PDB file of N, CA and C in Angstrom:
ATOM      1  N   MET A   1      -2.645  21.072 -53.964  1.00  0.00           N
ATOM      2  CA  MET A   1      -2.187  20.285 -52.541  1.00  0.00           C
ATOM      3  C   MET A   1      -2.025  20.875 -51.920  1.00  0.00           C
ATOM      4  N   LEU A   2      -2.181  20.749 -50.290  1.00  0.00           N
ATOM      5  CA  LEU A   2      -2.896  21.594 -49.283  1.00  0.00           C
ATOM      6  C   LEU A   2      -1.481  21.790 -48.532  1.00  0.00           C
ATOM      7  N   GLU A   3      -0.971  22.995 -48.186  1.00  0.00           N
ATOM      8  CA  GLU A   3       0.455  23.430 -47.502  1.00  0.00           C
ATOM      9  C   GLU A   3       0.300  23.711 -46.091  1.00  0.00           C
ATOM     10  N   LEU A   4       0.804  22.943 -45.225  1.00  0.00           N
ATOM     11  CA  LEU A   4       0.932  23.374 -43.851  1.00  0.00           C
ATOM     12  C   LEU A   4       2.041  23.956 -43.424  1.00  0.00           C
ATOM     13  N   ALA A   5       1.287  25.484 -42.511  1.00  0.00           N
ATOM     14  CA  ALA A   5       2.618  25.827 -42.089  1.00  0.00           C
ATOM     15  C   ALA A   5       3.275  25.293 -40.552  1.00  0.00           C
ATOM     16  N   LEU A   6       4.502  25.374 -40.271  1.00  0.00           N
ATOM     17  CA  LEU A   6       4.928  24.897 -39.143  1.00  0.00           C
ATOM     18  C   LEU A   6       5.250  25.691 -38.319  1.00  0.00           C
ATOM     19  N   GLU A   7       4.992  25.667 -37.480  1.00  0.00           N
ATOM     20  CA  GLU A   7       5.196  27.114 -36.564  1.00  0.00           C
ATOM     21  C   GLU A   7       6.354  27.048 -35.949  1.00  0.00           C
ATOM     22  N   PHE A   8       7.717  26.409 -36.418  1.00  0.00           N
ATOM     23  CA  PHE A   8       8.957  26.424 -35.443  1.00  0.00           C
ATOM     24  C   PHE A   8       9.951  27.319 -36.066  1.00  0.00           C
ATOM     25  N   PRO A   9      10.869  27.988 -35.448  1.00  0.00           N
ATOM     26  CA  PRO A   9      11.764  28.575 -36.324  1.00  0.00           C
ATOM     27  C   PRO A   9      12.949  27.993 -36.989  1.00  0.00           C
ATOM     28  N   VAL A  10      13.386  28.293 -38.496  1.00  0.00           N
ATOM     29  CA  VAL A  10      13.719  27.198 -38.780  1.00  0.00           C
ATOM     30  C   VAL A  10      15.360  27.829 -38.489  1.00  0.00           C
ATOM     31  N   ASP A  11      16.120  26.766 -38.482  1.00  0.00           N
ATOM     32  CA  ASP A  11      17.782  26.961 -38.337  1.00  0.00           C
ATOM     33  C   ASP A  11      18.076  25.808 -38.905  1.00  0.00           C
ATOM     34  N   ASP A  12      19.760  25.494 -39.327  1.00  0.00           N
ATOM     35  CA  ASP A  12      20.255  24.749 -39.561  1.00  0.00           C
ATOM     36  C   ASP A  12      19.765  22.697 -38.673  1.00  0.00           C
ATOM     37  N   ARG A  13      19.935  23.098 -37.581  1.00  0.00           N
ATOM     38  CA  ARG A  13      19.631  22.307 -36.785  1.00  0.00           C
ATOM     39  C   ARG A  13      17.795  21.406 -37.194  1.00  0.00           C
ATOM     40  N   ASN A  14      17.264  22.479 -37.700  1.00  0.00           N
ATOM     41  CA  ASN A  14      15.730  21.927 -37.966  1.00  0.00           C
ATOM     42  C   ASN A  14      15.556  21.731 -39.793  1.00  0.00           C
ATOM     43  N   GLU A  15      16.450  22.115 -40.203  1.00  0.00           N
ATOM     44  CA  GLU A  15      16.363  21.982 -41.447  1.00  0.00           C
ATOM     45  C   GLU A  15      15.758  20.152 -41.997  1.00  0.00           C
ATOM     46  N   GLU A  16      16.615  19.592 -40.907  1.00  0.00           N
ATOM     47  CA  GLU A  16      16.547  18.081 -41.087  1.00  0.00           C
ATOM     48  C   GLU A  16      15.408  17.574 -41.206  1.00  0.00           C
ATOM     49  N   SER A  17      14.761  17.868 -39.916  1.00  0.00           N
ATOM     50  CA  SER A  17      13.510  17.504 -39.233  1.00  0.00           C
ATOM     51  C   SER A  17      12.385  18.335 -40.156  1.00  0.00           C
ATOM     52  N   LEU A  18      12.586  19.143 -40.653  1.00  0.00           N
ATOM     53  CA  LEU A  18      11.359  19.710 -41.530  1.00  0.00           C
ATOM     54  C   LEU A  18      11.266  19.253 -43.102  1.00  0.00           C
ATOM     55  N   SER A  19      12.467  18.856 -43.508  1.00  0.00           N
ATOM     56  CA  SER A  19      12.134  17.731 -44.663  1.00  0.00           C
ATOM     57  C   SER A  19      11.818  16.749 -44.288  1.00  0.00           C
ATOM     58  N   LYS A  20      11.818  15.814 -43.294  1.00  0.00           N
ATOM     59  CA  LYS A  20      11.462  14.920 -43.161  1.00  0.00           C
ATOM     60  C   LYS A  20       9.581  14.906 -42.878  1.00  0.00           C
ATOM     61  N   ALA A  21       9.651  15.898 -42.161  1.00  0.00           N
ATOM     62  CA  ALA A  21       8.011  16.376 -41.871  1.00  0.00           C
ATOM     63  C   ALA A  21       7.261  16.544 -42.930  1.00  0.00           C
ATOM     64  N   HIS A  22       8.331  17.461 -44.045  1.00  0.00           N
ATOM     65  CA  HIS A  22       6.956  17.656 -45.626  1.00  0.00           C
ATOM     66  C   HIS A  22       7.009  16.886 -46.432  1.00  0.00           C
ATOM     67  N   LYS A  23       8.106  15.812 -45.963  1.00  0.00           N
ATOM     68  CA  LYS A  23       8.011  14.436 -46.941  1.00  0.00           C
ATOM     69  C   LYS A  23       7.024  13.858 -46.496  1.00  0.00           C
ATOM     70  N   SER A  24       6.792  13.778 -45.287  1.00  0.00           N
ATOM     71  CA  SER A  24       5.684  12.698 -44.852  1.00  0.00           C
ATOM     72  C   SER A  24       4.208  13.586 -44.763  1.00  0.00           C
ATOM     73  N   ILE A  25       4.302  14.630 -44.870  1.00  0.00           N
ATOM     74  CA  ILE A  25       3.146  15.227 -45.364  1.00  0.00           C
ATOM     75  C   ILE A  25       2.675  15.177 -46.774  1.00  0.00           C
ATOM     76  N   SER A  26       3.738  15.005 -47.681  1.00  0.00           N
ATOM     77  CA  SER A  26       3.447  15.177 -48.891  1.00  0.00           C
ATOM     78  C   SER A  26       3.262  13.676 -49.575  1.00  0.00           C
ATOM     79  N   ASP A  27       3.358  12.771 -48.625  1.00  0.00           N
ATOM     80  CA  ASP A  27       3.399  11.355 -49.059  1.00  0.00           C
ATOM     81  C   ASP A  27       2.094  10.814 -48.997  1.00  0.00           C
ATOM     82  N   GLY A  28       0.895  11.636 -48.165  1.00  0.00           N
ATOM     83  CA  GLY A  28      -0.536  11.944 -48.525  1.00  0.00           C
ATOM     84  C   GLY A  28      -0.769  10.583 -47.571  1.00  0.00           C
ATOM     85  N   LYS A  29      -0.049  10.272 -46.590  1.00  0.00           N
ATOM     86  CA  LYS A  29      -0.681   9.015 -45.517  1.00  0.00           C
ATOM     87  C   LYS A  29      -0.827   9.911 -44.492  1.00  0.00           C
ATOM     88  N   LEU A  30      -1.733   9.420 -43.730  1.00  0.00           N
ATOM     89  CA  LEU A  30      -2.284  10.245 -42.328  1.00  0.00           C
ATOM     90  C   LEU A  30      -1.811   9.765 -41.325  1.00  0.00           C
ATOM     91  N   ILE A  31      -0.804   8.567 -41.007  1.00  0.00           N
ATOM     92  CA  ILE A  31      -0.459   7.792 -40.129  1.00  0.00           C
ATOM     93  C   ILE A  31       0.775   7.425 -40.386  1.00  0.00           C
ATOM     94  N   LYS A  32       1.642   7.998 -39.276  1.00  0.00           N
ATOM     95  CA  LYS A  32       3.437   7.785 -39.649  1.00  0.00           C
ATOM     96  C   LYS A  32       3.438   6.579 -38.665  1.00  0.00           C
ATOM     97  N   SER A  33       4.528   5.469 -39.315  1.00  0.00           N
ATOM     98  CA  SER A  33       5.402   4.690 -38.658  1.00  0.00           C
ATOM     99  C   SER A  33       5.892   5.062 -37.461  1.00  0.00           C
ATOM    100  N   GLU A  34       5.487   3.995 -36.321  1.00  0.00           N
ATOM    101  CA  GLU A  34       5.784   4.574 -35.209  1.00  0.00           C
ATOM    102  C   GLU A  34       7.192   4.456 -35.131  1.00  0.00           C
ATOM    103  N   GLU A  35       8.055   5.083 -34.266  1.00  0.00           N
ATOM    104  CA  GLU A  35       9.603   5.222 -34.413  1.00  0.00           C
ATOM    105  C   GLU A  35       9.927   4.716 -32.632  1.00  0.00           C
ATOM    106  N   THR A  36      10.360   3.180 -32.707  1.00  0.00           N
ATOM    107  CA  THR A  36      10.727   2.611 -31.519  1.00  0.00           C
ATOM    108  C   THR A  36      12.238   2.717 -31.442  1.00  0.00           C
ATOM    109  N   ALA A  37      12.408   2.295 -29.861  1.00  0.00           N
ATOM    110  CA  ALA A  37      14.349   2.170 -29.532  1.00  0.00           C
ATOM    111  C   ALA A  37      14.285   1.341 -28.704  1.00  0.00           C
ATOM    112  N   GLU A  38      15.321   0.097 -28.793  1.00  0.00           N
ATOM    113  CA  GLU A  38      15.866  -0.369 -27.528  1.00  0.00           C
ATOM    114  C   GLU A  38      16.555  -0.086 -26.758  1.00  0.00           C
ATOM    115  N   GLY A  39      16.463  -0.457 -25.539  1.00  0.00           N
ATOM    116  CA  GLY A  39      17.685   0.032 -24.706  1.00  0.00           C
ATOM    117  C   GLY A  39      16.965   0.132 -23.511  1.00  0.00           C
ATOM    118  N   HIS A  40      17.146   1.144 -22.424  1.00  0.00           N
ATOM    119  CA  HIS A  40      16.497   1.134 -21.445  1.00  0.00           C
ATOM    120  C   HIS A  40      15.733   2.124 -21.051  1.00  0.00           C
ATOM    121  N   VAL A  41      14.973   2.110 -20.151  1.00  0.00           N
ATOM    122  CA  VAL A  41      14.215   3.590 -20.056  1.00  0.00           C
ATOM    123  C   VAL A  41      14.818   4.317 -18.801  1.00  0.00           C
ATOM    124  N   THR A  42      14.828   5.360 -19.589  1.00  0.00           N
ATOM    125  CA  THR A  42      15.791   6.862 -18.418  1.00  0.00           C
ATOM    126  C   THR A  42      14.958   7.119 -16.908  1.00  0.00           C
ATOM    127  N   TRP A  43      15.542   7.581 -16.639  1.00  0.00           N
ATOM    128  CA  TRP A  43      15.409   8.074 -15.093  1.00  0.00           C
ATOM    129  C   TRP A  43      14.370   9.281 -15.392  1.00  0.00           C
ATOM    130  N   ARG A  44      14.646  10.291 -16.589  1.00  0.00           N
ATOM    131  CA  ARG A  44      13.679  10.969 -17.027  1.00  0.00           C
ATOM    132  C   ARG A  44      12.228  10.415 -16.976  1.00  0.00           C
ATOM    133  N   SER A  45      12.492   9.544 -17.878  1.00  0.00           N
ATOM    134  CA  SER A  45      11.084   9.244 -18.419  1.00  0.00           C
ATOM    135  C   SER A  45       9.931   8.432 -16.861  1.00  0.00           C
ATOM    136  N   ILE A  46      10.977   7.663 -15.804  1.00  0.00           N
ATOM    137  CA  ILE A  46      10.470   7.474 -14.526  1.00  0.00           C
ATOM    138  C   ILE A  46       9.660   8.419 -13.814  1.00  0.00           C
ATOM    139  N   LYS A  47      10.573   9.684 -13.889  1.00  0.00           N
ATOM    140  CA  LYS A  47      10.307  10.912 -12.942  1.00  0.00           C
ATOM    141  C   LYS A  47       9.322  11.233 -13.844  1.00  0.00           C
ATOM    142  N   LEU A  48       9.009  11.538 -14.768  1.00  0.00           N
ATOM    143  CA  LEU A  48       7.522  11.945 -15.533  1.00  0.00           C
ATOM    144  C   LEU A  48       6.714  11.124 -15.471  1.00  0.00           C
ATOM    145  N   PHE A  49       6.684   9.879 -15.374  1.00  0.00           N
ATOM    146  CA  PHE A  49       5.863   8.780 -15.194  1.00  0.00           C
ATOM    147  C   PHE A  49       5.652   8.941 -13.721  1.00  0.00           C
ATOM    148  N   LEU A  50       6.122   8.925 -12.628  1.00  0.00           N
ATOM    149  CA  LEU A  50       6.170   9.397 -11.365  1.00  0.00           C
ATOM    150  C   LEU A  50       5.163  10.481 -11.018  1.00  0.00           C
ATOM    151  N   SER A  51       5.685  11.511 -11.396  1.00  0.00           N
ATOM    152  CA  SER A  51       5.171  13.138 -11.039  1.00  0.00           C
ATOM    153  C   SER A  51       3.583  12.924 -11.874  1.00  0.00           C
ATOM    154  N   GLY A  52       3.125  12.404 -13.240  1.00  0.00           N
ATOM    155  CA  GLY A  52       2.060  11.832 -13.160  1.00  0.00           C
ATOM    156  C   GLY A  52       0.937  11.354 -12.696  1.00  0.00           C
ATOM    157  N   LEU A  53       1.693  10.585 -11.980  1.00  0.00           N
ATOM    158  CA  LEU A  53       0.986  10.083 -10.571  1.00  0.00           C
ATOM    159  C   LEU A  53       0.680  10.777 -10.084  1.00  0.00           C
ATOM    160  N   GLY A  54       1.454  11.037  -9.185  1.00  0.00           N
ATOM    161  CA  GLY A  54       1.073  11.957  -7.742  1.00  0.00           C
ATOM    162  C   GLY A  54       0.707  13.610  -7.819  1.00  0.00           C
ATOM    163  N   GLY A  55       1.526  14.330  -9.221  1.00  0.00           N
ATOM    164  CA  GLY A  55       1.009  15.537  -9.557  1.00  0.00           C
ATOM    165  C   GLY A  55       1.975  16.265  -8.738  1.00  0.00           C
ATOM    166  N   ASN A  56       1.561  17.520  -8.102  1.00  0.00           N
ATOM    167  CA  ASN A  56       2.542  18.145  -6.903  1.00  0.00           C
ATOM    168  C   ASN A  56       2.745  17.948  -5.720  1.00  0.00           C
ATOM    169  N   ARG A  57       2.192  16.827  -5.837  1.00  0.00           N
ATOM    170  CA  ARG A  57       2.143  15.903  -4.544  1.00  0.00           C
ATOM    171  C   ARG A  57       2.429  14.612  -4.720  1.00  0.00           C
ATOM    172  N   PRO A  58       3.474  14.032  -5.001  1.00  0.00           N
ATOM    173  CA  PRO A  58       3.632  13.133  -4.905  1.00  0.00           C
ATOM    174  C   PRO A  58       3.969  12.280  -3.542  1.00  0.00           C
ATOM    175  N   LEU A  59       4.705  12.320  -2.679  1.00  0.00           N
ATOM    176  CA  LEU A  59       4.891  12.264  -1.559  1.00  0.00           C
ATOM    177  C   LEU A  59       3.202  11.691  -0.475  1.00  0.00           C
ATOM    178  N   VAL A  60       2.213  13.002  -0.758  1.00  0.00           N
ATOM    179  CA  VAL A  60       0.793  12.103  -0.533  1.00  0.00           C
ATOM    180  C   VAL A  60       0.352  11.068  -1.072  1.00  0.00           C
ATOM    181  N   PHE A  61       0.695  11.178  -2.258  1.00  0.00           N
ATOM    182  CA  PHE A  61      -0.152  10.259  -3.086  1.00  0.00           C
ATOM    183  C   PHE A  61       0.407   8.849  -3.109  1.00  0.00           C
ATOM    184  N   PHE A  62       1.835   8.700  -2.374  1.00  0.00           N
ATOM    185  CA  PHE A  62       2.242   7.142  -2.372  1.00  0.00           C
ATOM    186  C   PHE A  62       1.878   6.876  -0.962  1.00  0.00           C
ATOM    187  N   VAL A  63       1.850   8.063   0.065  1.00  0.00           N
ATOM    188  CA  VAL A  63       1.325   7.492   1.514  1.00  0.00           C
ATOM    189  C   VAL A  63       0.141   7.075   1.231  1.00  0.00           C
ATOM    190  N   LEU A  64      -0.832   7.721   0.804  1.00  0.00           N
ATOM    191  CA  LEU A  64      -2.375   7.198   0.219  1.00  0.00           C
ATOM    192  C   LEU A  64      -2.242   5.669   0.047  1.00  0.00           C
ATOM    193  N   TRP A  65      -1.599   5.854  -1.200  1.00  0.00           N
ATOM    194  CA  TRP A  65      -1.531   4.649  -1.710  1.00  0.00           C
ATOM    195  C   TRP A  65      -1.120   3.049  -0.740  1.00  0.00           C
ATOM    196  N   ALA A  66       0.164   3.683   0.209  1.00  0.00           N
ATOM    197  CA  ALA A  66       0.475   2.606   0.791  1.00  0.00           C
ATOM    198  C   ALA A  66      -0.595   2.422   1.842  1.00  0.00           C
ATOM    199  N   ALA A  67      -1.554   3.441   2.265  1.00  0.00           N
ATOM    200  CA  ALA A  67      -2.155   3.633   3.414  1.00  0.00           C
ATOM    201  C   ALA A  67      -3.410   2.666   2.880  1.00  0.00           C
ATOM    202  N   SER A  68      -3.443   2.666   1.584  1.00  0.00           N
ATOM    203  CA  SER A  68      -5.011   1.746   0.728  1.00  0.00           C
ATOM    204  C   SER A  68      -4.638   0.722   1.046  1.00  0.00           C
ATOM    205  N   LEU A  69      -3.344   0.211   0.728  1.00  0.00           N
ATOM    206  CA  LEU A  69      -3.091  -1.387   0.161  1.00  0.00           C
ATOM    207  C   LEU A  69      -3.086  -1.942   2.011  1.00  0.00           C
ATOM    208  N   VAL A  70      -2.634  -1.126   3.004  1.00  0.00           N
ATOM    209  CA  VAL A  70      -2.517  -2.019   4.218  1.00  0.00           C
ATOM    210  C   VAL A  70      -4.141  -1.827   4.634  1.00  0.00           C
ATOM    211  N   ILE A  71      -4.800  -0.957   4.864  1.00  0.00           N
ATOM    212  CA  ILE A  71      -6.269  -1.070   5.219  1.00  0.00           C
ATOM    213  C   ILE A  71      -6.930  -2.304   4.141  1.00  0.00           C
ATOM    214  N   MET A  72      -6.807  -2.641   3.003  1.00  0.00           N
ATOM    215  CA  MET A  72      -7.200  -3.497   2.363  1.00  0.00           C
ATOM    216  C   MET A  72      -6.572  -4.932   2.472  1.00  0.00           C
ATOM    217  N   GLU A  73      -5.858  -5.038   3.252  1.00  0.00           N
ATOM    218  CA  GLU A  73      -5.222  -6.332   3.377  1.00  0.00           C
ATOM    219  C   GLU A  73      -5.490  -6.478   4.735  1.00  0.00           C
ATOM    220  N   GLY A  74      -6.080  -5.718   5.592  1.00  0.00           N
ATOM    221  CA  GLY A  74      -6.689  -5.695   7.056  1.00  0.00           C
ATOM    222  C   GLY A  74      -7.833  -5.754   6.789  1.00  0.00           C
ATOM    223  N   MET A  75      -8.400  -5.543   5.856  1.00  0.00           N
ATOM    224  CA  MET A  75      -9.883  -5.999   5.582  1.00  0.00           C
ATOM    225  C   MET A  75     -10.044  -7.125   5.341  1.00  0.00           C
ATOM    226  N   ASN A  76      -9.212  -7.622   4.421  1.00  0.00           N
ATOM    227  CA  ASN A  76      -9.426  -9.042   4.240  1.00  0.00           C
ATOM    228  C   ASN A  76      -9.047 -10.132   5.016  1.00  0.00           C
ATOM    229  N   THR A  77      -8.069  -9.819   6.030  1.00  0.00           N
ATOM    230  CA  THR A  77      -7.415 -10.471   7.347  1.00  0.00           C
ATOM    231  C   THR A  77      -9.090 -10.685   8.251  1.00  0.00           C
ATOM    232  N   PHE A  78      -9.703  -9.504   8.395  1.00  0.00           N
ATOM    233  CA  PHE A  78     -10.813  -9.384   9.301  1.00  0.00           C
ATOM    234  C   PHE A  78     -12.004 -10.306   9.139  1.00  0.00           C
ATOM    235  N   ALA A  79     -11.923 -10.339   7.635  1.00  0.00           N
ATOM    236  CA  ALA A  79     -12.977 -10.963   6.960  1.00  0.00           C
ATOM    237  C   ALA A  79     -12.845 -12.553   7.149  1.00  0.00           C
ATOM    238  N   VAL A  80     -11.627 -12.631   6.740  1.00  0.00           N
ATOM    239  CA  VAL A  80     -11.558 -14.265   7.127  1.00  0.00           C
ATOM    240  C   VAL A  80     -11.646 -14.725   8.432  1.00  0.00           C
ATOM    241  N   TRP A  81     -10.960 -13.635   9.452  1.00  0.00           N
ATOM    242  CA  TRP A  81     -11.299 -13.923  10.270  1.00  0.00           C
ATOM    243  C   TRP A  81     -12.720 -14.006  11.141  1.00  0.00           C
ATOM    244  N   PHE A  82     -13.712 -13.267  10.676  1.00  0.00           N
ATOM    245  CA  PHE A  82     -14.688 -12.803  11.267  1.00  0.00           C
ATOM    246  C   PHE A  82     -15.374 -14.153  10.736  1.00  0.00           C
ATOM    247  N   LEU A  83     -15.238 -14.356   9.431  1.00  0.00           N
ATOM    248  CA  LEU A  83     -16.370 -16.000   9.006  1.00  0.00           C
ATOM    249  C   LEU A  83     -15.791 -17.147   9.934  1.00  0.00           C
ATOM    250  N   GLY A  84     -14.402 -17.260  10.319  1.00  0.00           N
ATOM    251  CA  GLY A  84     -14.434 -17.890  10.946  1.00  0.00           C
ATOM    252  C   GLY A  84     -14.787 -18.192  12.273  1.00  0.00           C
ATOM    253  N   PHE A  85     -14.813 -16.979  13.411  1.00  0.00           N
ATOM    254  CA  PHE A  85     -15.382 -16.946  14.093  1.00  0.00           C
ATOM    255  C   PHE A  85     -16.995 -17.132  14.176  1.00  0.00           C
ATOM    256  N   TRP A  86     -17.822 -16.761  13.259  1.00  0.00           N
ATOM    257  CA  TRP A  86     -18.629 -17.053  13.039  1.00  0.00           C
ATOM    258  C   TRP A  86     -19.407 -18.487  12.888  1.00  0.00           C
ATOM    259  N   GLY A  87     -18.175 -19.003  11.831  1.00  0.00           N
ATOM    260  CA  GLY A  87     -18.604 -20.564  11.574  1.00  0.00           C
ATOM    261  C   GLY A  87     -18.631 -21.230  13.263  1.00  0.00           C
ATOM    262  N   SER A  88     -17.756 -20.808  13.962  1.00  0.00           N
ATOM    263  CA  SER A  88     -17.201 -21.603  14.842  1.00  0.00           C
ATOM    264  C   SER A  88     -18.655 -21.711  15.910  1.00  0.00           C
ATOM    265  N   LYS A  89     -19.751 -20.696  15.841  1.00  0.00           N
ATOM    266  CA  LYS A  89     -20.437 -20.542  16.439  1.00  0.00           C
ATOM    267  C   LYS A  89     -21.517 -21.452  16.654  1.00  0.00           C
ATOM    268  N   TYR A  90     -21.626 -22.095  15.295  1.00  0.00           N
ATOM    269  CA  TYR A  90     -22.501 -23.370  14.719  1.00  0.00           C
ATOM    270  C   TYR A  90     -22.118 -24.793  15.549  1.00  0.00           C
ATOM    271  N   LYS A  91     -20.936 -24.591  15.577  1.00  0.00           N
ATOM    272  CA  LYS A  91     -20.072 -25.745  16.742  1.00  0.00           C
ATOM    273  C   LYS A  91     -20.574 -25.320  17.705  1.00  0.00           C
ATOM    274  N   GLU A  92     -20.294 -24.801  18.530  1.00  0.00           N
ATOM    275  CA  GLU A  92     -20.689 -24.368  19.657  1.00  0.00           C
ATOM    276  C   GLU A  92     -22.469 -24.543  20.416  1.00  0.00           C
ATOM    277  N   ASN A  93     -22.983 -23.953  19.399  1.00  0.00           N
ATOM    278  CA  ASN A  93     -24.704 -23.956  19.617  1.00  0.00           C
ATOM    279  C   ASN A  93     -25.451 -24.433  18.776  1.00  0.00           C
ATOM    280  N   HIS A  94     -26.630 -24.715  18.963  1.00  0.00           N
ATOM    281  CA  HIS A  94     -27.637 -25.223  17.903  1.00  0.00           C
ATOM    282  C   HIS A  94     -27.617 -24.170  16.752  1.00  0.00           C
ATOM    283  N   PRO A  95     -27.587 -24.690  15.572  1.00  0.00           N
ATOM    284  CA  PRO A  95     -27.728 -23.856  14.325  1.00  0.00           C
ATOM    285  C   PRO A  95     -29.177 -22.546  14.290  1.00  0.00           C
ATOM    286  N   SER A  96     -30.169 -23.160  15.144  1.00  0.00           N
ATOM    287  CA  SER A  96     -31.341 -22.097  15.282  1.00  0.00           C
ATOM    288  C   SER A  96     -31.224 -21.241  15.787  1.00  0.00           C
ATOM    289  N   THR A  97     -29.860 -21.737  16.960  1.00  0.00           N
ATOM    290  CA  THR A  97     -29.870 -20.122  18.068  1.00  0.00           C
ATOM    291  C   THR A  97     -28.605 -19.064  17.177  1.00  0.00           C
ATOM    292  N   VAL A  98     -28.289 -19.496  16.362  1.00  0.00           N
ATOM    293  CA  VAL A  98     -27.078 -18.740  15.680  1.00  0.00           C
ATOM    294  C   VAL A  98     -27.155 -17.709  15.199  1.00  0.00           C
ATOM    295  N   HIS A  99     -27.600 -16.073  15.541  1.00  0.00           N
ATOM    296  CA  HIS A  99     -28.228 -15.483  14.791  1.00  0.00           C
ATOM    297  C   HIS A  99     -27.215 -15.100  13.193  1.00  0.00           C
ATOM    298  N   ALA A 100     -28.445 -15.303  11.935  1.00  0.00           N
ATOM    299  CA  ALA A 100     -27.692 -14.660  10.869  1.00  0.00           C
ATOM    300  C   ALA A 100     -28.452 -14.109  10.330  1.00  0.00           C
ATOM    301  N   PRO A 101     -28.392 -12.637  10.119  1.00  0.00           N
ATOM    302  CA  PRO A 101     -29.039 -11.597   9.503  1.00  0.00           C
ATOM    303  C   PRO A 101     -29.332 -11.901   8.149  1.00  0.00           C
ATOM    304  N   LEU A 102     -30.333 -11.253   7.875  1.00  0.00           N
ATOM    305  CA  LEU A 102     -30.088 -11.705   5.828  1.00  0.00           C
ATOM    306  C   LEU A 102     -30.216 -10.511   5.495  1.00  0.00           C
TER     307      LEU A 102
END
């Protein structure tokens, strides 16, 4: 049977976790069942998630993210306005005189 060396110090607090780890290794299973908890997400978890998004400069990340949202909405608004402006030229002029590049 294959024995694995565990690389953390053994003390009274870790004996139970060691026995569980050894039992799961000796079961012959490659995958352990997932442990889930019900409740709420802690602030520590949220901070870890947000630091993962922004790295060492989360303020820069969030400013760039917000700026990109504003620019995107501005471009959408401009596109709608421009199509209306261009379409109104067909009402004012004959369609053959309206410039429509391909």
